[in-house]
Protein backbone atom coordinates (compact mmCIF):
# COMPACT_ATOMS: atom_id res chain seq x y z
CA MET A 1 -2.67 -8.22 -7.26
CA THR A 2 -1.17 -11.37 -5.73
CA ILE A 3 1.72 -11.18 -3.28
CA GLU A 4 4.16 -14.07 -3.40
CA VAL A 5 5.13 -15.08 0.14
CA PRO A 6 8.40 -16.97 0.63
CA ASN A 7 8.26 -20.55 1.78
CA VAL A 8 9.43 -20.01 5.36
CA SER A 9 10.63 -23.26 6.87
CA VAL A 10 10.72 -23.91 10.59
CA LEU A 11 14.24 -23.38 11.91
CA PRO A 12 15.61 -24.17 15.39
CA VAL A 13 15.52 -21.22 17.79
CA TYR A 14 17.65 -22.68 20.62
CA GLY A 15 15.58 -20.90 23.25
CA VAL A 16 15.89 -17.46 21.63
CA ASP A 17 12.65 -15.54 21.06
CA PRO A 18 12.76 -14.18 17.49
CA ASP A 19 10.81 -11.06 18.49
CA ARG A 20 11.55 -10.17 22.12
CA THR A 21 14.93 -8.77 23.11
CA GLN A 22 17.14 -10.73 25.48
CA THR A 23 20.34 -10.15 27.42
CA THR A 24 23.42 -11.88 26.06
CA ASP A 25 27.20 -11.65 26.26
CA LEU A 26 30.19 -12.12 23.98
CA VAL A 27 31.22 -15.43 25.56
CA THR A 28 27.78 -16.95 24.95
CA VAL A 29 27.64 -15.65 21.39
CA VAL A 30 31.10 -17.02 20.53
CA ARG A 31 30.47 -20.37 22.25
CA ARG A 32 27.20 -20.95 20.46
CA ARG A 33 28.79 -20.20 17.12
CA ILE A 34 31.56 -22.69 17.77
CA GLU A 35 28.94 -25.28 18.71
CA GLY A 36 26.72 -24.34 15.76
CA ARG A 37 23.77 -23.84 18.14
CA TYR A 38 22.61 -20.32 17.30
CA PRO A 39 19.40 -19.25 15.55
CA VAL A 40 19.25 -17.55 12.16
CA ASP A 41 15.80 -16.78 10.82
CA PRO A 42 14.66 -17.33 7.20
CA PHE A 43 15.63 -13.75 6.34
CA GLY A 44 19.18 -14.08 7.67
CA ALA A 45 18.69 -12.26 10.99
CA ASP A 46 20.86 -13.31 13.92
CA PRO A 47 18.92 -12.26 17.06
CA GLN A 48 21.78 -13.03 19.46
CA MET A 49 24.11 -10.85 17.43
CA GLN A 50 21.50 -8.08 17.43
CA ASP A 51 21.19 -8.25 21.22
CA LEU A 52 24.98 -8.23 21.64
CA ILE A 53 25.40 -5.08 19.56
CA ALA A 54 22.31 -3.28 20.91
CA PRO A 55 23.97 -1.80 24.05
CA PHE A 56 26.58 -0.08 21.87
CA ALA A 57 23.84 1.46 19.71
CA THR A 58 21.95 2.57 22.82
CA ALA A 59 25.10 4.18 24.26
CA THR A 60 25.82 5.92 20.95
CA LEU A 61 22.32 7.23 20.26
CA ARG A 62 20.41 8.97 23.06
CA VAL A 63 16.72 8.70 22.19
CA ASP A 64 13.68 10.37 23.74
CA VAL A 65 10.26 9.00 22.73
CA ASP A 66 6.94 10.85 22.69
CA HIS A 67 3.92 8.55 23.20
CA PRO A 68 5.88 5.30 23.63
CA GLU A 69 2.62 3.58 24.61
CA ARG A 70 1.67 3.64 20.93
CA PHE A 71 4.39 1.13 20.12
CA PRO A 72 2.78 -2.33 19.91
CA ASP A 73 3.58 -4.65 22.80
CA ASP A 74 2.95 -7.70 20.63
CA GLY A 75 1.69 -8.70 17.22
CA ALA A 76 2.45 -7.46 13.73
CA ALA A 77 2.74 -3.77 12.89
CA VAL A 78 4.36 -1.47 10.35
CA LEU A 79 6.17 1.71 11.40
CA VAL A 80 6.42 4.32 8.63
CA SER A 81 9.03 7.00 9.31
CA ASN A 82 11.02 9.82 7.73
CA ARG A 83 14.73 9.63 7.06
CA GLY A 84 17.62 11.64 5.62
CA LEU A 85 20.09 10.23 3.14
CA GLY A 86 21.66 7.72 5.51
CA VAL A 87 20.54 4.87 7.75
CA VAL A 88 20.69 6.63 11.12
CA GLU A 89 16.94 7.24 11.46
CA PRO A 90 16.10 3.52 11.13
CA ALA A 91 18.80 2.76 13.73
CA VAL A 92 17.30 5.36 16.09
CA LEU A 93 13.87 3.84 15.59
CA SER A 94 15.25 0.40 16.38
CA VAL A 95 16.75 1.74 19.64
CA ALA A 96 13.44 3.42 20.52
CA LEU A 97 11.37 0.26 20.00
CA ARG A 98 13.88 -1.83 21.92
CA GLN A 99 14.03 0.47 24.95
CA GLU A 100 10.28 1.16 25.11
CA ALA A 101 8.68 -2.14 24.05
CA GLY A 102 11.50 -4.70 24.35
CA ARG A 103 11.09 -5.82 20.74
CA ARG A 104 13.46 -6.16 17.80
CA LEU A 105 12.74 -4.03 14.75
CA ARG A 106 12.95 -5.39 11.21
CA VAL A 107 13.94 -2.57 8.85
CA ILE A 108 12.88 -2.88 5.22
CA GLY A 109 15.50 -1.84 2.67
CA ALA A 110 18.61 -4.03 2.96
CA PRO A 111 20.62 -3.85 -0.29
CA ASP A 112 20.84 -7.04 -2.31
CA VAL A 113 24.65 -6.98 -2.47
CA PRO A 114 27.31 -9.30 -1.01
CA ILE A 115 28.91 -8.64 2.39
CA LEU A 116 27.10 -5.38 3.24
CA GLY A 117 23.68 -6.81 2.51
CA ASP A 118 24.50 -10.01 4.42
CA LEU A 119 25.70 -8.01 7.44
CA LEU A 120 22.63 -5.78 7.51
CA ARG A 121 20.35 -8.81 7.25
CA LYS A 122 22.12 -10.37 10.25
CA LEU A 123 21.27 -7.20 12.16
CA GLY A 124 17.58 -7.44 11.25
CA ALA A 125 17.23 -5.64 7.93
CA VAL A 126 15.14 -7.16 5.15
CA MET A 127 15.18 -6.55 1.41
CA SER A 128 12.45 -4.40 -0.14
CA TYR A 129 10.21 -7.15 -1.48
CA GLN A 130 6.46 -7.39 -0.94
CA GLY A 131 6.73 -11.10 -0.20
CA ASP A 132 9.36 -10.60 2.48
CA LEU A 133 7.31 -7.91 4.22
CA ALA A 134 4.18 -10.06 4.02
CA ALA A 135 6.05 -13.00 5.57
CA LEU A 136 7.41 -10.80 8.38
CA LEU A 137 3.94 -9.55 9.24
CA ARG A 138 2.46 -13.03 9.14
CA ALA A 139 5.15 -14.01 11.65
CA GLU A 140 3.97 -11.06 13.84
CA HIS A 141 7.13 -8.97 13.67
CA VAL A 142 7.35 -5.18 13.76
CA ALA A 143 8.64 -3.87 10.43
CA ALA A 144 9.86 -0.36 9.66
CA ILE A 145 9.33 1.16 6.21
CA PRO A 146 11.41 4.35 5.84
CA LEU A 147 9.95 6.94 3.49
CA GLY A 148 12.07 8.11 0.59
CA PRO A 149 15.24 9.99 1.63
CA THR A 150 15.19 13.78 1.93
CA TRP A 151 18.31 15.85 1.46
CA LEU A 152 17.86 18.16 4.43
CA ARG A 153 16.11 15.73 6.79
CA THR A 154 13.19 18.16 6.90
CA GLY A 155 9.98 16.62 5.72
CA ALA A 156 8.47 13.29 4.86
CA GLY A 157 9.75 11.64 1.69
CA MET A 158 7.83 9.60 -0.84
CA PRO A 159 6.22 6.40 0.52
CA PRO A 160 7.02 3.07 -1.18
CA MET A 161 3.49 2.25 -2.27
CA GLN A 162 4.46 -1.16 -3.67
CA LEU A 163 5.49 -2.24 -0.16
CA LEU A 164 2.38 -0.84 1.49
CA VAL A 165 0.30 -3.24 -0.57
CA ALA A 166 1.66 -5.96 1.72
CA ALA A 167 0.84 -3.86 4.80
CA LEU A 168 -2.89 -3.65 4.04
CA GLY A 169 -4.95 -4.94 6.93
CA TYR A 170 -2.18 -4.56 9.51
CA PRO A 171 -1.64 -1.71 12.01
CA VAL A 172 0.36 1.05 10.28
CA ILE A 173 1.86 3.60 12.68
CA PRO A 174 3.37 6.92 11.51
CA VAL A 175 6.59 7.91 13.27
CA ALA A 176 8.73 11.06 13.04
CA VAL A 177 12.44 11.13 13.89
CA ARG A 178 14.31 14.36 14.71
CA PRO A 179 18.14 14.40 14.62
CA GLY A 180 20.16 14.71 17.80
CA GLY A 181 23.70 14.22 19.06
CA PRO A 182 25.69 10.96 19.10
CA PHE A 183 27.95 9.31 21.69
CA GLY A 184 26.12 10.74 24.71
CA LEU A 185 27.56 14.22 24.08
CA PRO A 186 25.80 17.16 25.76
CA LEU A 187 23.79 17.80 22.62
CA ARG A 188 20.09 17.29 22.24
CA ALA A 189 18.92 13.69 22.13
CA TRP A 190 17.37 12.16 19.07
CA LYS A 191 13.62 12.45 19.36
CA VAL A 192 11.05 9.93 18.17
CA SER A 193 7.37 10.94 18.03
CA VAL A 194 4.93 8.03 17.65
CA GLY A 195 1.56 8.77 16.06
CA GLU A 196 -1.79 7.04 16.31
CA PRO A 197 -2.25 3.91 14.17
CA LEU A 198 -3.90 4.70 10.85
CA PRO A 199 -7.41 3.35 10.18
CA VAL A 200 -7.40 -0.10 8.59
CA ARG A 201 -9.15 0.29 5.23
CA ALA A 202 -8.63 -3.11 3.60
CA HIS A 203 -8.47 -6.79 4.49
CA ARG A 204 -5.16 -8.58 4.81
CA GLY A 205 -3.95 -9.93 1.52
CA SER A 206 -6.47 -7.94 -0.50
CA GLY A 207 -3.73 -6.48 -2.71
CA ASP A 208 -5.95 -3.49 -3.51
CA PRO A 209 -3.71 -0.88 -5.23
CA LEU A 210 -6.20 1.94 -4.59
CA ALA A 211 -6.28 1.15 -0.86
CA ALA A 212 -2.47 1.02 -0.87
CA ALA A 213 -2.31 4.44 -2.54
CA GLU A 214 -4.67 5.89 0.08
CA LEU A 215 -2.61 4.31 2.86
CA ALA A 216 0.62 5.73 1.38
CA GLU A 217 -0.86 9.23 1.23
CA ALA A 218 -2.23 9.00 4.78
CA ALA A 219 1.09 7.70 6.12
CA ARG A 220 3.08 10.51 4.51
CA ASP A 221 0.63 13.21 5.66
CA ASN A 222 0.66 11.95 9.24
CA VAL A 223 4.46 11.68 9.37
CA GLN A 224 4.66 15.26 8.09
CA ARG A 225 2.24 16.45 10.79
CA LEU A 226 4.38 14.80 13.45
CA ILE A 227 7.51 16.44 12.04
CA ASP A 228 5.81 19.86 12.01
CA SER A 229 4.79 19.48 15.66
CA MET A 230 8.27 18.55 16.93
């Protein structure tokens, strides 16, 4: 199986690291947009906009992380996590990675529709294409692949095996997310439990469907074990 990787051209970054989080403010964001001097990556992400909105997400979602040292400090990695019907779990995972490792998360699964899809891509989401995931990993980003949605948020959903083909040869880390309370209310915090990276069983770019199926099964089983232990 051959994965088609997009032709990613080199775009100006204007001093903004595409991976590491930075502090910004509304005045800077507005001024740079007026001047036309703000970075947008080949997938449509606007890192300055992400960093501007991040404090609001952090204030809204209280997140406790078990084993934060298992988040990668640098280099490519894939986080495989559970989710309910909505998009809150990926947002919680993005907050967790930002506060513990200082990195921006690229969530796989942006809808290919006008306005909403464009907005989510500006905030770091990427469409569910093998080539896009492969390009993200080659650029050494951290990508999140949510498992299939579950109605009651209890359990690990089905893994998207076609995406995990592109993840072969890279660190794949199972993660479990437990619901909590929003807006800093005196409810329990959202909890993120980070598992050990799964064994690498294939070379990068091998496209081995059997290895991808084994990886998908291992990812789901390990996410379920983390959920059961929370």
